[in-house]
Amino acid sequence: MAKPPVFSGEAEKVSEFITACKLYVEARMMGAIVEKQVQWVLLFVQEGLADIWKENVLEDLEEGVLEYESVGEFLTAIKKEFGGEKE
């Protein structure tokens, strides 16, 4: 199974990125805790505005300011942040 493409924050690519992440997590990481799943997704958030956003998210996660009930909730946050309303 292919890993998701690198995501740099482009609105027109957010849906593709989210779909690829969901498929991979469901197939390969179902037993992993949510924190590990979120960290894995963040490995592919690079470059541009997405990289700055990722650094802020990582800081908030480390400080305990942010928590996600599921990786799906985290992916929804990515979609909301980068304007991928269209699927």
N, C-alpha and C. Protein backbone atom coordinates (compact mmCIF):
# COMPACT_ATOMS: atom_id res chain seq x y z
N MET A 1 0.84 -1.18 0.00
CA MET A 1 0.00 0.00 0.00
C MET A 1 0.89 1.24 0.00
N ALA A 2 0.56 2.17 -0.87
CA ALA A 2 1.35 3.40 -1.00
C ALA A 2 1.09 4.34 0.17
N LYS A 3 2.15 5.02 0.57
CA LYS A 3 2.02 6.04 1.60
C LYS A 3 1.46 7.30 0.95
N PRO A 4 0.89 8.20 1.75
CA PRO A 4 0.33 9.42 1.16
C PRO A 4 1.42 10.33 0.59
N PRO A 5 1.01 11.19 -0.34
CA PRO A 5 1.96 12.16 -0.88
C PRO A 5 2.28 13.22 0.18
N VAL A 6 3.39 13.91 0.01
CA VAL A 6 3.72 15.03 0.89
C VAL A 6 2.65 16.10 0.70
N PHE A 7 2.20 16.67 1.80
CA PHE A 7 1.17 17.71 1.76
C PHE A 7 1.77 19.03 2.21
N SER A 8 1.63 20.05 1.34
CA SER A 8 2.21 21.36 1.65
C SER A 8 1.17 22.43 1.94
N GLY A 9 -0.09 22.02 2.03
CA GLY A 9 -1.14 22.97 2.39
C GLY A 9 -2.01 23.44 1.25
N GLU A 10 -1.83 22.88 0.07
CA GLU A 10 -2.63 23.30 -1.08
C GLU A 10 -4.06 22.77 -0.95
N ALA A 11 -5.03 23.67 -1.00
CA ALA A 11 -6.43 23.30 -0.81
C ALA A 11 -6.89 22.25 -1.81
N GLU A 12 -6.40 22.34 -3.04
CA GLU A 12 -6.85 21.39 -4.06
C GLU A 12 -6.29 19.98 -3.86
N LYS A 13 -5.35 19.82 -2.95
CA LYS A 13 -4.76 18.50 -2.71
C LYS A 13 -5.12 17.92 -1.35
N VAL A 14 -5.87 18.67 -0.54
CA VAL A 14 -6.16 18.21 0.82
C VAL A 14 -7.02 16.94 0.83
N SER A 15 -8.02 16.85 -0.03
CA SER A 15 -8.89 15.67 -0.05
C SER A 15 -8.12 14.41 -0.43
N GLU A 16 -7.25 14.53 -1.42
CA GLU A 16 -6.41 13.41 -1.84
C GLU A 16 -5.51 12.95 -0.69
N PHE A 17 -4.93 13.91 0.01
CA PHE A 17 -4.05 13.60 1.14
C PHE A 17 -4.82 12.90 2.25
N ILE A 18 -5.97 13.41 2.61
CA ILE A 18 -6.78 12.84 3.68
C ILE A 18 -7.21 11.42 3.32
N THR A 19 -7.65 11.21 2.11
CA THR A 19 -8.06 9.87 1.68
C THR A 19 -6.91 8.88 1.77
N ALA A 20 -5.74 9.27 1.29
CA ALA A 20 -4.57 8.39 1.34
C ALA A 20 -4.20 8.06 2.78
N CYS A 21 -4.27 9.06 3.66
CA CYS A 21 -3.95 8.82 5.08
C CYS A 21 -4.96 7.86 5.72
N LYS A 22 -6.25 8.10 5.46
CA LYS A 22 -7.29 7.23 6.03
C LYS A 22 -7.08 5.78 5.60
N LEU A 23 -6.84 5.57 4.32
CA LEU A 23 -6.66 4.22 3.80
C LEU A 23 -5.46 3.53 4.45
N TYR A 24 -4.36 4.24 4.55
CA TYR A 24 -3.15 3.66 5.13
C TYR A 24 -3.34 3.35 6.61
N VAL A 25 -3.90 4.29 7.35
CA VAL A 25 -4.10 4.09 8.79
C VAL A 25 -5.05 2.92 9.04
N GLU A 26 -6.13 2.85 8.28
CA GLU A 26 -7.10 1.77 8.45
C GLU A 26 -6.48 0.41 8.12
N ALA A 27 -5.60 0.38 7.14
CA ALA A 27 -5.00 -0.89 6.73
C ALA A 27 -3.80 -1.30 7.57
N ARG A 28 -3.01 -0.34 8.01
CA ARG A 28 -1.72 -0.66 8.63
C ARG A 28 -1.54 -0.24 10.08
N MET A 29 -2.41 0.64 10.59
CA MET A 29 -2.14 1.20 11.91
C MET A 29 -3.33 1.13 12.87
N MET A 30 -4.28 0.27 12.61
CA MET A 30 -5.50 0.24 13.43
C MET A 30 -5.22 -0.02 14.90
N GLY A 31 -4.20 -0.76 15.24
CA GLY A 31 -3.91 -1.05 16.63
C GLY A 31 -3.11 0.02 17.35
N ALA A 32 -2.61 0.98 16.60
CA ALA A 32 -1.77 2.03 17.19
C ALA A 32 -2.62 3.05 17.93
N ILE A 33 -2.05 3.64 18.96
CA ILE A 33 -2.77 4.68 19.68
C ILE A 33 -2.92 5.91 18.79
N VAL A 34 -3.92 6.73 19.11
CA VAL A 34 -4.23 7.90 18.29
C VAL A 34 -3.02 8.82 18.16
N GLU A 35 -2.29 9.02 19.23
CA GLU A 35 -1.12 9.90 19.19
C GLU A 35 -0.11 9.44 18.14
N LYS A 36 0.13 8.15 18.05
CA LYS A 36 1.07 7.62 17.06
C LYS A 36 0.53 7.78 15.65
N GLN A 37 -0.78 7.59 15.47
CA GLN A 37 -1.39 7.77 14.16
C GLN A 37 -1.27 9.22 13.70
N VAL A 38 -1.53 10.16 14.62
CA VAL A 38 -1.42 11.58 14.31
C VAL A 38 0.03 11.94 13.96
N GLN A 39 0.97 11.44 14.73
CA GLN A 39 2.38 11.71 14.45
C GLN A 39 2.77 11.16 13.09
N TRP A 40 2.25 9.99 12.74
CA TRP A 40 2.55 9.40 11.44
C TRP A 40 2.03 10.30 10.31
N VAL A 41 0.80 10.77 10.44
CA VAL A 41 0.23 11.67 9.43
C VAL A 41 1.10 12.92 9.30
N LEU A 42 1.55 13.45 10.42
CA LEU A 42 2.35 14.68 10.40
C LEU A 42 3.69 14.50 9.69
N LEU A 43 4.16 13.27 9.57
CA LEU A 43 5.40 13.03 8.82
C LEU A 43 5.27 13.48 7.37
N PHE A 44 4.06 13.48 6.85
CA PHE A 44 3.82 13.81 5.45
C PHE A 44 3.35 15.25 5.25
N VAL A 45 3.21 15.99 6.34
CA VAL A 45 2.85 17.40 6.27
C VAL A 45 4.16 18.18 6.28
N GLN A 46 4.52 18.67 5.10
CA GLN A 46 5.82 19.32 4.93
C GLN A 46 5.69 20.49 3.98
N GLU A 47 6.60 21.39 4.09
CA GLU A 47 6.73 22.52 3.17
C GLU A 47 5.61 23.54 3.32
N GLY A 48 5.91 24.74 2.94
CA GLY A 48 4.93 25.81 2.89
C GLY A 48 4.21 26.08 4.20
N LEU A 49 2.98 26.56 4.06
CA LEU A 49 2.16 26.87 5.22
C LEU A 49 1.85 25.65 6.06
N ALA A 50 1.77 24.50 5.43
CA ALA A 50 1.47 23.27 6.17
C ALA A 50 2.57 22.94 7.17
N ASP A 51 3.80 23.23 6.82
CA ASP A 51 4.92 22.94 7.71
C ASP A 51 4.87 23.83 8.95
N ILE A 52 4.53 25.09 8.76
CA ILE A 52 4.38 26.01 9.90
C ILE A 52 3.24 25.55 10.79
N TRP A 53 2.12 25.18 10.18
CA TRP A 53 0.96 24.68 10.93
C TRP A 53 1.34 23.44 11.72
N LYS A 54 2.08 22.53 11.08
CA LYS A 54 2.51 21.30 11.75
C LYS A 54 3.33 21.61 12.99
N GLU A 55 4.25 22.53 12.90
CA GLU A 55 5.09 22.87 14.05
C GLU A 55 4.24 23.39 15.21
N ASN A 56 3.23 24.20 14.90
CA ASN A 56 2.33 24.69 15.94
C ASN A 56 1.51 23.56 16.56
N VAL A 57 1.04 22.63 15.74
CA VAL A 57 0.29 21.48 16.24
C VAL A 57 1.17 20.63 17.15
N LEU A 58 2.40 20.38 16.72
CA LEU A 58 3.32 19.58 17.54
C LEU A 58 3.57 20.22 18.90
N GLU A 59 3.76 21.53 18.90
CA GLU A 59 3.95 22.24 20.17
C GLU A 59 2.74 22.10 21.07
N ASP A 60 1.55 22.28 20.50
CA ASP A 60 0.31 22.16 21.28
C ASP A 60 0.11 20.74 21.81
N LEU A 61 0.45 19.75 20.99
CA LEU A 61 0.33 18.35 21.44
C LEU A 61 1.28 18.08 22.60
N GLU A 62 2.50 18.56 22.49
CA GLU A 62 3.50 18.37 23.55
C GLU A 62 3.08 19.05 24.85
N GLU A 63 2.43 20.20 24.75
CA GLU A 63 1.99 20.94 25.93
C GLU A 63 0.67 20.42 26.48
N GLY A 64 0.04 19.50 25.75
CA GLY A 64 -1.24 18.96 26.19
C GLY A 64 -2.42 19.87 25.91
N VAL A 65 -2.22 20.87 25.05
CA VAL A 65 -3.28 21.81 24.71
C VAL A 65 -4.27 21.17 23.73
N LEU A 66 -3.77 20.33 22.85
CA LEU A 66 -4.60 19.66 21.85
C LEU A 66 -4.68 18.17 22.13
N GLU A 67 -5.87 17.63 21.94
CA GLU A 67 -6.06 16.18 22.00
C GLU A 67 -7.07 15.80 20.93
N TYR A 68 -6.86 14.67 20.34
CA TYR A 68 -7.78 14.16 19.33
C TYR A 68 -8.30 12.81 19.78
N GLU A 69 -9.61 12.62 19.63
CA GLU A 69 -10.23 11.34 20.00
C GLU A 69 -9.87 10.25 19.00
N SER A 70 -9.63 10.66 17.75
CA SER A 70 -9.31 9.69 16.70
C SER A 70 -8.47 10.38 15.63
N VAL A 71 -7.85 9.57 14.80
CA VAL A 71 -7.10 10.14 13.68
C VAL A 71 -8.06 10.79 12.69
N GLY A 72 -9.28 10.29 12.63
CA GLY A 72 -10.30 10.91 11.77
C GLY A 72 -10.60 12.34 12.19
N GLU A 73 -10.67 12.58 13.48
CA GLU A 73 -10.88 13.93 13.99
C GLU A 73 -9.71 14.84 13.60
N PHE A 74 -8.51 14.31 13.67
CA PHE A 74 -7.33 15.07 13.27
C PHE A 74 -7.36 15.38 11.77
N LEU A 75 -7.73 14.41 10.96
CA LEU A 75 -7.81 14.64 9.52
C LEU A 75 -8.87 15.67 9.18
N THR A 76 -9.96 15.69 9.94
CA THR A 76 -10.99 16.71 9.76
C THR A 76 -10.42 18.10 10.07
N ALA A 77 -9.58 18.18 11.09
CA ALA A 77 -8.93 19.45 11.43
C ALA A 77 -8.04 19.93 10.29
N ILE A 78 -7.34 19.00 9.64
CA ILE A 78 -6.51 19.36 8.49
C ILE A 78 -7.38 19.90 7.36
N LYS A 79 -8.47 19.21 7.10
CA LYS A 79 -9.38 19.63 6.04
C LYS A 79 -9.93 21.03 6.31
N LYS A 80 -10.33 21.26 7.55
CA LYS A 80 -10.86 22.58 7.92
C LYS A 80 -9.79 23.66 7.80
N GLU A 81 -8.60 23.36 8.25
CA GLU A 81 -7.50 24.34 8.24
C GLU A 81 -7.09 24.76 6.83
N PHE A 82 -7.07 23.80 5.91
CA PHE A 82 -6.54 24.08 4.58
C PHE A 82 -7.60 24.22 3.49
N GLY A 83 -8.86 24.33 3.91
CA GLY A 83 -9.91 24.68 2.98
C GLY A 83 -10.30 23.63 1.98
N GLY A 84 -10.22 22.39 2.34
CA GLY A 84 -10.60 21.34 1.41
C GLY A 84 -12.05 20.93 1.57
N GLU A 85 -12.97 21.89 1.43
CA GLU A 85 -14.39 21.59 1.60
C GLU A 85 -14.90 20.64 0.53
N LYS A 86 -14.33 20.69 -0.65
CA LYS A 86 -14.78 19.84 -1.76
C LYS A 86 -14.14 18.48 -1.65
N GLU A 87 -14.91 17.45 -1.94
CA GLU A 87 -14.39 16.09 -1.92
C GLU A 87 -14.46 15.49 -3.30
